[in-house]
Structure formats: structure tokens, C-alpha cells
Amino acid sequence: MKVLLTGGAGFIGSHTCVELINAGHEPVIADNFDNSCPEVLNRIEEITGRRVPLYEIDVCDGESVGAMFEKESFDAVIHFAGLKAVGESCALPLRYYRNNIDSTLTLLEAMAKYGVSNFVFSSSATVYGVPEKVPLVEGMPTGCTNPYGWTKLMNEQILTDAAAADERLSVVLLRYFNPIGAHESGRLGEDPNGIPNNLMPYITQVAAGKLEKLGVFGDDYPTRDGTGVRDYIHVVDLAKAHVKAIDYAATRKGTEIFNIGTGTGYSVLEIVNAFMRVNDLTIPYEIKPRRAGDIAECYADASKAREILGWQAEKDLDDMCRDSWNWQSKNKNGYK
């Protein structure tokens, strides 16, 4: 299938692009490089031997999106493009609502006009809000604690309503947990702008000497060691879930939701200690007060993805830590 990847030069999008090529699909990337780098296209070509077509556009721009759909005959869309920093979303909520929701509406309108019926959406475990219990199951109540999360949940509702109104449309909503790791070649990885918002790139930048030490926010949660527990998944496993989702969408209509995680929760200190052990490094850290809005535990019940998509995570925590450092140590300044 010819598959449009919006935001395809980003962390998850680039790894998904590689896995789609490996599976025999034809990806096309649309990206405005707001939080990514054109060098990614060269790295994808190095790994796969394929030069992926690129449209440097903003997918909120209906005219640019329409021109792209006019030129390409897409079979499916995987929508990664979007602003994704939780803290920034609280400071700039209108920017997040405008960008993240407009892009989905623009894509749906183009798909309807050009007869494209398969849509895979990059959602998030943040849509579960503050859960009453774990592990998280797809049918549990939803609700969000920040504008970023609300844009994900609102997009889920938009896509569900669109599929209910158009019997041709097939929508798969993938609720990611915490992607880390990198391509085993060390040529693709996470390259955040500025100070990282997520745990693993912060750890790797401390290891590389770019940052002085890691801040651990809270050690008094009701968890094994007092630090927050999350479900960390290797980005390559996550990418492979999108290949399964595209294949699944092509065989059915309507909307389906899947958690994409390992089903195992690791605490912040367990991640830090595993990283130090696997890579024989020391990571200095200090305990800081809890951050507002953080929850104690969040991990997936991923059995539905296993049973219906035939997907499950294959890589373990050691792989995630090893590949994260392999990427950072070979690319101290990211793609720059």
C-alpha cells in the first residue's frame, strides 16, 4: 500500500517509515520539520536503500494537502503530525488545539474527496487521565489533565464520528504508552528540541555530558521505590504496531482502539539503574518535588492488540537502554 505518514520525519514516524518499507509498503512523508530534521530522510535511505518521497508542508494547510493528494494515490494515512509537549500545551493551549485538531480535520476532508479510506491515528495513554486502577484497558473511562491530552481525546472522538458517518472509513486509534529506544543501527533516534521533556533522552544527554544531572520528580509515590511507574516500549516495536494496524484497517470498517505498550511498568529509578547497568555508565540524579499532574502508575493491558492485531512487544528493557545510548553516543548533537 502507498501510505502517507504525516510527521513522518519525527521520532516515531521515521521508525515506522523503516518498518513499512521492510514490510513491502510505499511510505510518503509529509512534514514541516517543526520538531524534526530533513537529515532523517538520508538516514532512512541509508537503512533501507529507498529514498522516501517528501512533501515539506503543514498538514493544517488544506491547499497543500489537497495538492499532495491530487498527485499521490494513497491507500492509507498514518497521522503522527502534532505538537506534543504537555507543559507547553498548558502555556499555549490555543496553539495546540488549533494545530492538532485542524490537521486531522484537513486530512479527513482530503481523504473523503480523494477516496482514501484507511486512517491510523497516533493517540496516547494520556487520554485515560488519572486512572482509578492499572493496568489500563481500552474500555476504561477517559479524561485528560492537560490540553495536549485533550487534543488526542478530541481527535479520537472526531475520527470515531467520521467513521460512523462514512461507511467507507476504517479508523484505528493507537494509544501509545512511553516510547524509548532507537533503531539498532544508531542512525535513527529521538532528537528533542532544547531540554528534553521525556525521561530517556534526558538520561542519555546526562550520560553524554550535555546535561549535568537528572531530576527525579517525587520519591514518595505508592510504588515499589517511591518513583513514578510507566510502561516503556521500544520505538521499533511501536513502529511495527503501525504496520499491523495498516494491514488490519484495510480489512474492515469502523473504529477500533488498541493500547500499544508492553504491559509491564518500570519506575524511574529502575530505568536509571538499568541504563547504568547495561551501558556501564553512571547517571548522577537528584530527587525533586513531585510535578503537578503526575500520577503514580500507568501501564497497559495490551492483550487486545495481541489477540486482534497479532502484535506484541518483542524488545525488553535492556534493548531499550542499549539502543538509546547507542543512538546518543553516536549522535551527541542529534541530527545536527
Protein backbone atom coordinates (compact mmCIF):
# COMPACT_ATOMS: atom_id res chain seq x y z
CA MET A 1 0.00 0.00 0.00
CA LYS A 2 1.03 3.60 -0.51
CA VAL A 3 0.90 5.15 2.96
CA LEU A 4 1.02 8.84 3.86
CA LEU A 5 2.97 9.50 7.06
CA THR A 6 2.23 12.97 8.42
CA GLY A 7 5.05 13.94 10.75
CA GLY A 8 6.95 11.04 9.23
CA ALA A 9 10.36 12.59 9.92
CA GLY A 10 9.75 12.58 13.67
CA PHE A 11 10.90 10.03 16.24
CA ILE A 12 8.06 7.53 15.87
CA GLY A 13 7.26 8.41 12.26
CA SER A 14 10.79 7.76 10.99
CA HIS A 15 10.99 4.33 12.64
CA THR A 16 7.53 3.47 11.28
CA CYS A 17 8.69 4.53 7.81
CA VAL A 18 11.54 1.98 8.00
CA GLU A 19 9.21 -0.81 9.17
CA LEU A 20 6.67 -0.04 6.43
CA ILE A 21 9.41 -0.34 3.80
CA ASN A 22 10.60 -3.59 5.40
CA ALA A 23 7.04 -4.90 5.12
CA GLY A 24 6.76 -4.01 1.41
CA HIS A 25 4.69 -0.82 1.68
CA GLU A 26 5.38 2.53 -0.03
CA PRO A 27 5.58 5.36 2.51
CA VAL A 28 5.36 9.04 1.61
CA ILE A 29 6.29 11.63 4.24
CA ALA A 30 4.62 14.99 4.85
CA ASP A 31 6.45 17.09 7.44
CA ASN A 32 7.09 20.78 8.11
CA PHE A 33 10.15 19.98 10.29
CA ASP A 34 8.75 21.93 13.23
CA ASN A 35 10.14 19.27 15.58
CA SER A 36 12.21 17.11 13.23
CA CYS A 37 15.09 17.34 10.77
CA PRO A 38 15.44 16.77 7.00
CA GLU A 39 18.56 14.66 7.68
CA VAL A 40 16.16 11.89 8.77
CA LEU A 41 15.34 11.23 5.11
CA ASN A 42 19.00 10.49 4.40
CA ARG A 43 19.19 8.14 7.38
CA ILE A 44 16.08 6.24 6.28
CA GLU A 45 17.65 5.82 2.84
CA GLU A 46 20.88 4.54 4.42
CA ILE A 47 18.98 1.88 6.39
CA THR A 48 16.51 0.78 3.71
CA GLY A 49 18.12 1.67 0.38
CA ARG A 50 14.93 3.60 -0.50
CA ARG A 51 14.54 7.34 -0.96
CA VAL A 52 11.16 8.19 0.51
CA PRO A 53 9.14 10.92 -1.26
CA LEU A 54 8.81 14.07 0.87
CA TYR A 55 6.26 16.87 0.91
CA GLU A 56 7.50 19.72 3.09
CA ILE A 57 4.12 21.08 4.06
CA ASP A 58 1.98 21.95 7.07
CA VAL A 59 -0.86 19.42 7.12
CA CYS A 60 -3.19 22.08 8.54
CA ASP A 61 -2.94 23.79 5.14
CA GLY A 62 -5.81 22.39 3.09
CA GLU A 63 -4.47 23.67 -0.23
CA SER A 64 -1.08 21.98 0.24
CA VAL A 65 -2.65 18.76 1.47
CA GLY A 66 -5.10 18.74 -1.43
CA ALA A 67 -2.30 19.22 -3.96
CA MET A 68 -0.43 16.28 -2.41
CA PHE A 69 -3.49 14.01 -2.54
CA GLU A 70 -4.07 15.10 -6.14
CA LYS A 71 -0.58 13.94 -7.08
CA GLU A 72 -0.38 10.74 -5.00
CA SER A 73 -2.82 7.82 -4.91
CA PHE A 74 -2.76 6.99 -1.21
CA ASP A 75 -4.24 3.80 0.21
CA ALA A 76 -3.88 4.84 3.85
CA VAL A 77 -2.86 7.65 6.20
CA ILE A 78 -0.92 7.37 9.46
CA HIS A 79 -1.25 10.67 11.29
CA PHE A 80 1.72 11.45 13.56
CA ALA A 81 1.95 15.20 12.96
CA GLY A 82 1.17 17.26 16.03
CA LEU A 83 2.56 19.32 18.87
CA LYS A 84 3.35 17.05 21.81
CA ALA A 85 4.85 18.80 24.87
CA VAL A 86 2.50 18.57 27.84
CA GLY A 87 3.93 21.59 29.66
CA GLU A 88 3.91 23.75 26.55
CA SER A 89 0.30 22.76 25.87
CA CYS A 90 -0.68 24.24 29.24
CA ALA A 91 1.10 27.51 28.39
CA LEU A 92 -0.10 27.63 24.76
CA PRO A 93 -3.43 25.80 24.68
CA LEU A 94 -4.88 27.61 21.66
CA ARG A 95 -1.82 26.75 19.56
CA TYR A 96 -2.23 23.07 20.49
CA TYR A 97 -5.96 22.94 19.82
CA ARG A 98 -5.60 24.77 16.50
CA ASN A 99 -2.69 22.68 15.21
CA ASN A 100 -3.57 19.22 16.48
CA ILE A 101 -7.26 19.31 15.62
CA ASP A 102 -7.07 21.28 12.36
CA SER A 103 -4.56 18.82 10.94
CA THR A 104 -6.93 15.89 11.50
CA LEU A 105 -9.91 17.71 10.00
CA THR A 106 -7.86 18.74 6.96
CA LEU A 107 -6.73 15.16 6.38
CA LEU A 108 -10.24 13.73 6.75
CA GLU A 109 -11.61 16.23 4.23
CA ALA A 110 -8.88 15.37 1.72
CA MET A 111 -9.41 11.64 2.27
CA ALA A 112 -13.13 12.00 1.63
CA LYS A 113 -12.53 13.99 -1.54
CA TYR A 114 -9.92 11.59 -2.95
CA GLY A 115 -11.43 8.30 -1.83
CA VAL A 116 -8.86 7.26 0.80
CA SER A 117 -10.50 5.15 3.48
CA ASN A 118 -7.86 3.86 5.94
CA PHE A 119 -6.70 6.04 8.83
CA VAL A 120 -4.35 5.15 11.72
CA PHE A 121 -4.12 7.79 14.44
CA SER A 122 -1.25 8.41 16.83
CA SER A 123 -3.08 8.69 20.15
CA SER A 124 -1.77 8.43 23.69
CA ALA A 125 -2.28 6.84 27.07
CA THR A 126 -2.80 10.39 28.36
CA VAL A 127 -6.44 10.04 27.31
CA TYR A 128 -7.01 7.87 30.41
CA GLY A 129 -6.36 10.87 32.65
CA VAL A 130 -5.88 9.86 36.28
CA PRO A 131 -6.83 6.17 36.25
CA GLU A 132 -8.51 4.53 39.23
CA LYS A 133 -6.63 1.29 38.63
CA VAL A 134 -3.99 -0.34 36.46
CA PRO A 135 -3.36 -1.95 34.05
CA LEU A 136 -5.27 0.27 31.66
CA VAL A 137 -7.84 -1.41 29.40
CA GLU A 138 -9.27 0.22 26.26
CA GLY A 139 -12.81 0.35 27.61
CA MET A 140 -11.90 2.29 30.77
CA PRO A 141 -13.20 5.86 31.29
CA THR A 142 -11.24 8.64 29.62
CA GLY A 143 -10.43 12.18 30.66
CA CYS A 144 -7.37 14.40 30.49
CA THR A 145 -5.25 16.62 32.72
CA ASN A 146 -3.75 18.92 30.06
CA PRO A 147 -4.55 20.43 26.63
CA TYR A 148 -2.20 18.04 24.81
CA GLY A 149 -4.16 15.07 26.15
CA TRP A 150 -7.46 16.70 25.30
CA THR A 151 -6.37 17.19 21.68
CA LYS A 152 -5.71 13.44 21.49
CA LEU A 153 -9.08 12.57 23.00
CA MET A 154 -10.93 15.12 20.86
CA ASN A 155 -9.28 13.71 17.75
CA GLU A 156 -10.35 10.22 18.79
CA GLN A 157 -13.94 11.47 19.00
CA ILE A 158 -13.72 13.28 15.65
CA LEU A 159 -12.39 10.16 13.95
CA THR A 160 -14.97 7.91 15.61
CA ASP A 161 -17.80 10.21 14.48
CA ALA A 162 -16.37 10.44 10.97
CA ALA A 163 -16.22 6.65 10.67
CA ALA A 164 -19.79 6.33 11.98
CA ALA A 165 -21.00 8.78 9.32
CA ASP A 166 -18.99 7.33 6.41
CA GLU A 167 -19.29 3.58 5.97
CA ARG A 168 -16.18 3.56 3.75
CA LEU A 169 -13.89 4.79 6.52
CA SER A 170 -11.70 2.49 8.63
CA VAL A 171 -10.07 4.09 11.69
CA VAL A 172 -7.55 2.54 14.07
CA LEU A 173 -6.68 4.52 17.21
CA LEU A 174 -3.37 3.51 18.75
CA ARG A 175 -2.92 4.63 22.35
CA TYR A 176 0.85 4.72 22.91
CA PHE A 177 2.45 4.37 26.26
CA ASN A 178 6.08 5.61 26.63
CA PRO A 179 8.25 5.05 23.54
CA ILE A 180 12.01 4.96 24.08
CA GLY A 181 14.98 3.27 22.39
CA ALA A 182 16.24 3.84 18.86
CA HIS A 183 16.98 1.96 15.67
CA GLU A 184 19.66 -0.65 16.36
CA SER A 185 21.89 0.88 13.66
CA GLY A 186 22.27 4.04 15.73
CA ARG A 187 21.22 6.09 12.70
CA LEU A 188 17.68 6.96 13.86
CA GLY A 189 16.67 8.09 17.32
CA GLU A 190 14.96 10.70 19.46
CA ASP A 191 16.28 14.23 18.90
CA PRO A 192 14.25 16.65 21.03
CA ASN A 193 14.46 20.41 20.65
CA GLY A 194 16.05 22.05 23.70
CA ILE A 195 15.86 20.41 27.13
CA PRO A 196 14.15 17.01 26.81
CA ASN A 197 10.67 16.60 28.27
CA ASN A 198 10.92 12.82 28.47
CA LEU A 199 12.95 10.60 30.77
CA MET A 200 15.17 8.57 28.43
CA PRO A 201 16.53 11.41 26.26
CA TYR A 202 17.26 13.31 29.47
CA ILE A 203 19.20 10.31 30.81
CA THR A 204 21.16 9.92 27.58
CA GLN A 205 22.04 13.62 27.47
CA VAL A 206 23.32 13.42 31.05
CA ALA A 207 25.37 10.38 30.02
CA ALA A 208 26.76 12.32 27.05
CA GLY A 209 27.75 15.28 29.26
CA LYS A 210 25.23 17.64 27.68
CA LEU A 211 23.25 17.96 30.93
CA GLU A 212 24.65 17.93 34.46
CA LYS A 213 22.27 15.54 36.21
CA LEU A 214 18.82 14.03 36.06
CA GLY A 215 15.94 15.37 38.14
CA VAL A 216 13.68 12.66 39.56
CA PHE A 217 10.33 14.24 40.36
CA GLY A 218 8.99 12.63 43.51
CA ASP A 219 10.14 9.62 45.53
CA ASP A 220 7.08 9.33 47.76
CA TYR A 221 4.57 7.72 45.38
CA PRO A 222 2.89 4.47 46.49
CA THR A 223 5.16 2.40 44.20
CA ARG A 224 7.99 -0.11 44.68
CA ASP A 225 10.66 2.55 45.22
CA GLY A 226 8.56 5.68 45.54
CA THR A 227 9.16 6.93 41.98
CA GLY A 228 6.57 7.02 39.22
CA VAL A 229 5.91 3.85 37.22
CA ARG A 230 5.32 3.90 33.46
CA ASP A 231 5.04 1.42 30.58
CA TYR A 232 8.10 1.94 28.37
CA ILE A 233 8.02 0.46 24.88
CA HIS A 234 10.81 0.21 22.30
CA VAL A 235 10.12 2.56 19.40
CA VAL A 236 10.77 -0.23 16.85
CA ASP A 237 8.09 -2.40 18.50
CA LEU A 238 5.77 0.61 18.37
CA ALA A 239 6.59 1.14 14.69
CA LYS A 240 5.75 -2.48 13.92
CA ALA A 241 2.36 -1.98 15.58
CA HIS A 242 1.56 0.61 12.90
CA VAL A 243 2.30 -1.89 10.15
CA LYS A 244 -0.13 -4.32 11.79
CA ALA A 245 -2.68 -1.52 12.17
CA ILE A 246 -2.50 -0.56 8.49
CA ASP A 247 -3.00 -4.17 7.44
CA TYR A 248 -5.91 -4.51 9.86
CA ALA A 249 -7.59 -1.27 8.73
CA ALA A 250 -7.58 -2.48 5.13
CA THR A 251 -9.73 -5.49 6.06
CA ARG A 252 -12.56 -3.79 7.95
CA LYS A 253 -14.58 -0.61 8.50
CA GLY A 254 -15.49 1.42 11.57
CA THR A 255 -13.30 2.34 14.55
CA GLU A 256 -11.08 0.22 16.78
CA ILE A 257 -8.87 1.23 19.72
CA PHE A 258 -5.68 -0.51 20.84
CA ASN A 259 -3.28 0.05 23.71
CA ILE A 260 0.31 -0.20 22.48
CA GLY A 261 2.59 -0.99 25.41
CA THR A 262 4.49 -3.88 26.93
CA GLY A 263 2.10 -4.46 29.83
CA THR A 264 4.97 -4.03 32.30
CA GLY A 265 5.56 -0.94 34.42
CA TYR A 266 9.04 0.27 35.36
CA SER A 267 9.82 3.01 37.87
CA VAL A 268 12.03 5.99 37.10
CA LEU A 269 14.82 4.59 39.27
CA GLU A 270 14.51 1.15 37.66
CA ILE A 271 15.03 2.79 34.26
CA VAL A 272 18.03 4.76 35.54
CA ASN A 273 19.61 1.68 37.15
CA ALA A 274 19.00 -0.48 34.08
CA PHE A 275 20.59 2.18 31.85
CA MET A 276 23.66 2.36 34.09
CA ARG A 277 23.99 -1.43 34.26
CA VAL A 278 23.53 -2.13 30.55
CA ASN A 279 25.85 0.65 29.38
CA ASP A 280 28.34 0.61 32.28
CA LEU A 281 27.78 4.30 32.96
CA THR A 282 26.99 6.46 35.98
CA ILE A 283 24.00 8.80 35.86
CA PRO A 284 24.00 11.44 38.62
CA TYR A 285 20.49 12.35 39.74
CA GLU A 286 18.69 14.27 42.46
CA ILE A 287 15.25 13.85 43.94
CA LYS A 288 12.95 16.82 43.39
CA PRO A 289 9.36 17.57 44.44
CA ARG A 290 6.53 15.94 42.54
CA ARG A 291 5.33 17.67 39.39
CA ALA A 292 1.72 18.81 39.32
CA GLY A 293 -0.44 16.42 37.32
CA ASP A 294 1.90 13.42 37.50
CA ILE A 295 0.34 10.12 38.53
CA ALA A 296 1.85 7.21 40.44
CA GLU A 297 1.37 4.36 37.93
CA CYS A 298 0.42 3.99 34.30
CA TYR A 299 0.86 0.79 32.31
CA ALA A 300 -1.09 -1.06 29.66
CA ASP A 301 -3.14 -4.14 29.27
CA ALA A 302 -2.01 -4.82 25.70
CA SER A 303 -3.84 -8.13 25.26
CA LYS A 304 -6.33 -6.74 22.73
CA ALA A 305 -3.52 -5.77 20.34
CA ARG A 306 -2.03 -9.23 20.74
CA GLU A 307 -5.31 -11.04 20.11
CA ILE A 308 -6.69 -8.91 17.26
CA LEU A 309 -3.67 -7.31 15.57
CA GLY A 310 -1.33 -10.22 16.22
CA TRP A 311 1.16 -7.74 17.70
CA GLN A 312 3.15 -7.76 20.90
CA ALA A 313 6.33 -6.09 22.09
CA GLU A 314 9.46 -8.15 21.42
CA LYS A 315 12.24 -5.98 22.84
CA ASP A 316 12.99 -5.76 26.57
CA LEU A 317 14.22 -3.00 28.85
CA ASP A 318 17.88 -3.85 28.24
CA ASP A 319 17.33 -3.42 24.49
CA MET A 320 15.67 -0.05 25.10
CA CYS A 321 18.55 1.21 27.26
CA ARG A 322 21.26 -0.16 24.97
CA ASP A 323 19.75 1.25 21.78
CA SER A 324 19.03 4.64 23.37
CA TRP A 325 22.69 5.06 24.33
CA ASN A 326 23.93 3.67 21.03
CA TRP A 327 21.99 6.44 19.28
CA GLN A 328 23.04 9.23 21.66
CA SER A 329 26.72 8.21 21.82
CA LYS A 330 26.97 8.18 18.02
CA ASN A 331 24.94 11.39 17.59
CA LYS A 332 25.85 13.66 20.51
CA ASN A 333 24.08 16.60 18.87
CA GLY A 334 21.29 14.58 17.32
CA TYR A 335 20.88 15.04 13.58
CA LYS A 336 22.63 18.42 13.61
